[in-house]
Amino acid sequence: MANTGLSTTATAPLGEARTQDAFATMNKCVTLFGVVGVIVLGVVAVTTFAGQEASAFMWIRGVIMVAVAPLIHRMTVRASQGSYKDFDRVRTLSATLPIAIVAVDLIPGLCPAWYAVLQGLSAPALGGVALITRGSSLRAAFPARR
């Protein structure tokens, strides 16, 4: 029996307008997440060059956030082409990353308030992706795997 690829591709047509609109909105949200990350990293650089201290944590986290955005974007594109594996990864990351971002920001003394606020602005963008991935059009395109 030949492998039909049903384990890695969606079973419902992905060409439906509602489904493609959902993916387009997800891409916009992921782009916004990346833009906020670039802004945060830029502010860290400017404040450092202005003579204020920026911790290694601020630099490393800023770079990681910027680096993660293209990866999530690529997974979103692959999911829009039918990859269940990438869809599941985007769904998982978009649900866990906002929680992790906010949780780390709430650790006292780890970073200045302005940094926590700027980083926190990226969380709603991924939260939007989490909501979209749980919407009816994408649930129909990617039924639960057992």
C-alpha atoms as a PDB file:
ATOM      1  CA  MET A   1       0.000   0.000   0.000  1.00  0.00           C
ATOM      2  CA  ALA A   2       1.459   3.358  -1.035  1.00  0.00           C
ATOM      3  CA  ASN A   3       1.918   6.218   1.364  1.00  0.00           C
ATOM      4  CA  THR A   4      -0.708   8.841   0.502  1.00  0.00           C
ATOM      5  CA  GLY A   5       0.873  11.568   2.616  1.00  0.00           C
ATOM      6  CA  LEU A   6      -2.276  12.031   4.686  1.00  0.00           C
ATOM      7  CA  SER A   7      -0.237  12.078   7.871  1.00  0.00           C
ATOM      8  CA  THR A   8       1.599  15.225   6.823  1.00  0.00           C
ATOM      9  CA  THR A   9      -0.926  17.116   4.704  1.00  0.00           C
ATOM     10  CA  ALA A  10      -4.326  18.579   5.365  1.00  0.00           C
ATOM     11  CA  THR A  11      -7.349  16.578   4.301  1.00  0.00           C
ATOM     12  CA  ALA A  12      -9.682  19.503   3.608  1.00  0.00           C
ATOM     13  CA  PRO A  13      -9.070  21.828   0.676  1.00  0.00           C
ATOM     14  CA  LEU A  14      -6.701  24.609   1.673  1.00  0.00           C
ATOM     15  CA  GLY A  15      -7.729  26.728  -1.297  1.00  0.00           C
ATOM     16  CA  GLU A  16     -10.909  27.971   0.359  1.00  0.00           C
ATOM     17  CA  ALA A  17     -10.962  31.745   0.756  1.00  0.00           C
ATOM     18  CA  ARG A  18     -11.672  31.592   4.500  1.00  0.00           C
ATOM     19  CA  THR A  19      -8.755  29.273   5.106  1.00  0.00           C
ATOM     20  CA  GLN A  20      -6.341  31.334   3.025  1.00  0.00           C
ATOM     21  CA  ASP A  21      -7.557  34.523   4.744  1.00  0.00           C
ATOM     22  CA  ALA A  22      -6.770  32.903   8.090  1.00  0.00           C
ATOM     23  CA  PHE A  23      -3.251  32.079   6.932  1.00  0.00           C
ATOM     24  CA  ALA A  24      -2.782  35.602   5.540  1.00  0.00           C
ATOM     25  CA  THR A  25      -3.792  37.068   8.903  1.00  0.00           C
ATOM     26  CA  MET A  26      -1.448  34.665  10.685  1.00  0.00           C
ATOM     27  CA  ASN A  27       1.416  35.837   8.467  1.00  0.00           C
ATOM     28  CA  LYS A  28       0.618  39.457   9.320  1.00  0.00           C
ATOM     29  CA  CYS A  29       0.610  38.634  13.038  1.00  0.00           C
ATOM     30  CA  VAL A  30       3.935  36.805  12.784  1.00  0.00           C
ATOM     31  CA  THR A  31       5.378  39.745  10.828  1.00  0.00           C
ATOM     32  CA  LEU A  32       4.164  42.115  13.550  1.00  0.00           C
ATOM     33  CA  PHE A  33       5.823  39.873  16.152  1.00  0.00           C
ATOM     34  CA  GLY A  34       9.090  40.131  14.209  1.00  0.00           C
ATOM     35  CA  VAL A  35       8.816  43.898  13.758  1.00  0.00           C
ATOM     36  CA  VAL A  36       8.273  44.387  17.495  1.00  0.00           C
ATOM     37  CA  GLY A  37      11.326  42.192  18.119  1.00  0.00           C
ATOM     38  CA  VAL A  38      13.438  44.338  15.784  1.00  0.00           C
ATOM     39  CA  ILE A  39      12.186  47.494  17.515  1.00  0.00           C
ATOM     40  CA  VAL A  40      13.076  46.068  20.934  1.00  0.00           C
ATOM     41  CA  LEU A  41      16.545  45.115  19.755  1.00  0.00           C
ATOM     42  CA  GLY A  42      16.970  48.549  18.186  1.00  0.00           C
ATOM     43  CA  VAL A  43      15.968  50.303  21.412  1.00  0.00           C
ATOM     44  CA  VAL A  44      18.441  48.156  23.352  1.00  0.00           C
ATOM     45  CA  ALA A  45      21.177  49.149  20.894  1.00  0.00           C
ATOM     46  CA  VAL A  46      20.306  52.846  21.065  1.00  0.00           C
ATOM     47  CA  THR A  47      20.180  52.888  24.853  1.00  0.00           C
ATOM     48  CA  THR A  48      23.521  51.065  25.009  1.00  0.00           C
ATOM     49  CA  PHE A  49      25.148  53.531  22.638  1.00  0.00           C
ATOM     50  CA  ALA A  50      23.625  56.368  24.667  1.00  0.00           C
ATOM     51  CA  GLY A  51      25.581  55.172  27.678  1.00  0.00           C
ATOM     52  CA  GLN A  52      22.944  53.216  29.586  1.00  0.00           C
ATOM     53  CA  GLU A  53      23.646  49.668  30.578  1.00  0.00           C
ATOM     54  CA  ALA A  54      21.909  46.773  28.831  1.00  0.00           C
ATOM     55  CA  SER A  55      22.288  43.321  30.319  1.00  0.00           C
ATOM     56  CA  ALA A  56      23.335  40.256  28.383  1.00  0.00           C
ATOM     57  CA  PHE A  57      19.827  38.913  29.001  1.00  0.00           C
ATOM     58  CA  MET A  58      18.308  41.854  27.123  1.00  0.00           C
ATOM     59  CA  TRP A  59      20.610  41.367  24.135  1.00  0.00           C
ATOM     60  CA  ILE A  60      20.247  37.591  23.982  1.00  0.00           C
ATOM     61  CA  ARG A  61      16.487  37.601  24.379  1.00  0.00           C
ATOM     62  CA  GLY A  62      16.155  40.360  21.802  1.00  0.00           C
ATOM     63  CA  VAL A  63      18.196  38.419  19.271  1.00  0.00           C
ATOM     64  CA  ILE A  64      16.278  35.201  19.966  1.00  0.00           C
ATOM     65  CA  MET A  65      12.923  36.916  19.457  1.00  0.00           C
ATOM     66  CA  VAL A  66      14.057  38.388  16.147  1.00  0.00           C
ATOM     67  CA  ALA A  67      15.466  35.014  15.048  1.00  0.00           C
ATOM     68  CA  VAL A  68      12.301  33.092  15.945  1.00  0.00           C
ATOM     69  CA  ALA A  69       9.982  35.227  13.801  1.00  0.00           C
ATOM     70  CA  PRO A  70      11.259  34.032  10.389  1.00  0.00           C
ATOM     71  CA  LEU A  71      11.139  30.432  11.603  1.00  0.00           C
ATOM     72  CA  ILE A  72       7.500  30.768  12.662  1.00  0.00           C
ATOM     73  CA  HIS A  73       6.739  32.552   9.391  1.00  0.00           C
ATOM     74  CA  ARG A  74       8.267  29.698   7.389  1.00  0.00           C
ATOM     75  CA  MET A  75       6.236  27.172   9.383  1.00  0.00           C
ATOM     76  CA  THR A  76       3.089  29.203   8.716  1.00  0.00           C
ATOM     77  CA  VAL A  77       3.788  29.212   4.978  1.00  0.00           C
ATOM     78  CA  ARG A  78       4.357  25.454   5.005  1.00  0.00           C
ATOM     79  CA  ALA A  79       1.170  24.953   6.993  1.00  0.00           C
ATOM     80  CA  SER A  80      -0.741  26.988   4.398  1.00  0.00           C
ATOM     81  CA  GLN A  81       0.581  24.536   1.816  1.00  0.00           C
ATOM     82  CA  GLY A  82      -0.811  21.592   3.778  1.00  0.00           C
ATOM     83  CA  SER A  83       1.851  20.569   6.283  1.00  0.00           C
ATOM     84  CA  TYR A  84       0.114  19.352   9.414  1.00  0.00           C
ATOM     85  CA  LYS A  85       3.440  19.076  11.230  1.00  0.00           C
ATOM     86  CA  ASP A  86       4.176  22.766  10.674  1.00  0.00           C
ATOM     87  CA  PHE A  87       0.601  23.727  11.502  1.00  0.00           C
ATOM     88  CA  ASP A  88       0.881  21.885  14.804  1.00  0.00           C
ATOM     89  CA  ARG A  89       4.206  23.566  15.556  1.00  0.00           C
ATOM     90  CA  VAL A  90       2.777  27.033  14.851  1.00  0.00           C
ATOM     91  CA  ARG A  91      -0.271  26.254  16.970  1.00  0.00           C
ATOM     92  CA  THR A  92       1.932  25.113  19.868  1.00  0.00           C
ATOM     93  CA  LEU A  93       4.469  27.954  19.638  1.00  0.00           C
ATOM     94  CA  SER A  94       1.809  30.634  19.312  1.00  0.00           C
ATOM     95  CA  ALA A  95       0.123  29.390  22.471  1.00  0.00           C
ATOM     96  CA  THR A  96       3.236  28.936  24.599  1.00  0.00           C
ATOM     97  CA  LEU A  97       5.502  31.819  23.567  1.00  0.00           C
ATOM     98  CA  PRO A  98       3.192  34.648  24.708  1.00  0.00           C
ATOM     99  CA  ILE A  99       2.855  32.999  28.112  1.00  0.00           C
ATOM    100  CA  ALA A 100       6.626  32.534  28.358  1.00  0.00           C
ATOM    101  CA  ILE A 101       7.303  36.117  27.266  1.00  0.00           C
ATOM    102  CA  VAL A 102       5.001  37.579  29.901  1.00  0.00           C
ATOM    103  CA  ALA A 103       6.119  35.134  32.614  1.00  0.00           C
ATOM    104  CA  VAL A 104       9.784  35.979  32.128  1.00  0.00           C
ATOM    105  CA  ASP A 105       8.979  39.702  32.081  1.00  0.00           C
ATOM    106  CA  LEU A 106       7.334  39.353  35.485  1.00  0.00           C
ATOM    107  CA  ILE A 107      10.507  38.037  37.162  1.00  0.00           C
ATOM    108  CA  PRO A 108      11.539  40.906  39.442  1.00  0.00           C
ATOM    109  CA  GLY A 109      14.836  42.589  38.632  1.00  0.00           C
ATOM    110  CA  LEU A 110      15.512  40.621  35.457  1.00  0.00           C
ATOM    111  CA  CYS A 111      14.951  43.531  33.101  1.00  0.00           C
ATOM    112  CA  PRO A 112      13.853  47.151  33.256  1.00  0.00           C
ATOM    113  CA  ALA A 113      10.141  47.904  33.027  1.00  0.00           C
ATOM    114  CA  TRP A 114      10.464  49.586  29.613  1.00  0.00           C
ATOM    115  CA  TYR A 115      12.057  46.429  28.211  1.00  0.00           C
ATOM    116  CA  ALA A 116       9.347  44.197  29.680  1.00  0.00           C
ATOM    117  CA  VAL A 117       6.642  46.430  28.218  1.00  0.00           C
ATOM    118  CA  LEU A 118       8.234  46.444  24.758  1.00  0.00           C
ATOM    119  CA  GLN A 119       8.719  42.667  24.801  1.00  0.00           C
ATOM    120  CA  GLY A 120       5.192  42.249  26.091  1.00  0.00           C
ATOM    121  CA  LEU A 121       3.862  44.069  23.033  1.00  0.00           C
ATOM    122  CA  SER A 122       4.889  41.103  20.907  1.00  0.00           C
ATOM    123  CA  ALA A 123       2.798  38.637  22.903  1.00  0.00           C
ATOM    124  CA  PRO A 124      -0.640  39.717  21.572  1.00  0.00           C
ATOM    125  CA  ALA A 125       0.521  39.208  17.988  1.00  0.00           C
ATOM    126  CA  LEU A 126       1.313  35.563  18.679  1.00  0.00           C
ATOM    127  CA  GLY A 127      -1.802  35.269  20.795  1.00  0.00           C
ATOM    128  CA  GLY A 128      -3.746  36.220  17.687  1.00  0.00           C
ATOM    129  CA  VAL A 129      -2.067  33.398  15.805  1.00  0.00           C
ATOM    130  CA  ALA A 130      -3.024  30.999  18.606  1.00  0.00           C
ATOM    131  CA  LEU A 131      -6.664  32.045  18.296  1.00  0.00           C
ATOM    132  CA  ILE A 132      -6.657  31.742  14.509  1.00  0.00           C
ATOM    133  CA  THR A 133      -5.130  28.255  14.600  1.00  0.00           C
ATOM    134  CA  ARG A 134      -7.999  27.170  16.807  1.00  0.00           C
ATOM    135  CA  GLY A 135     -10.642  28.715  14.545  1.00  0.00           C
ATOM    136  CA  SER A 136     -13.195  26.701  12.616  1.00  0.00           C
ATOM    137  CA  SER A 137     -11.650  27.123   9.155  1.00  0.00           C
ATOM    138  CA  LEU A 138      -8.258  25.793  10.197  1.00  0.00           C
ATOM    139  CA  ARG A 139      -9.753  23.076  12.389  1.00  0.00           C
ATOM    140  CA  ALA A 140     -11.604  21.890   9.278  1.00  0.00           C
ATOM    141  CA  ALA A 141      -8.433  22.030   7.194  1.00  0.00           C
ATOM    142  CA  PHE A 142      -6.404  20.164   9.820  1.00  0.00           C
ATOM    143  CA  PRO A 143      -8.611  17.691  11.684  1.00  0.00           C
ATOM    144  CA  ALA A 144      -7.178  16.289  14.912  1.00  0.00           C
ATOM    145  CA  ARG A 145      -4.647  13.506  14.473  1.00  0.00           C
ATOM    146  CA  ARG A 146      -4.938  10.365  16.552  1.00  0.00           C
END
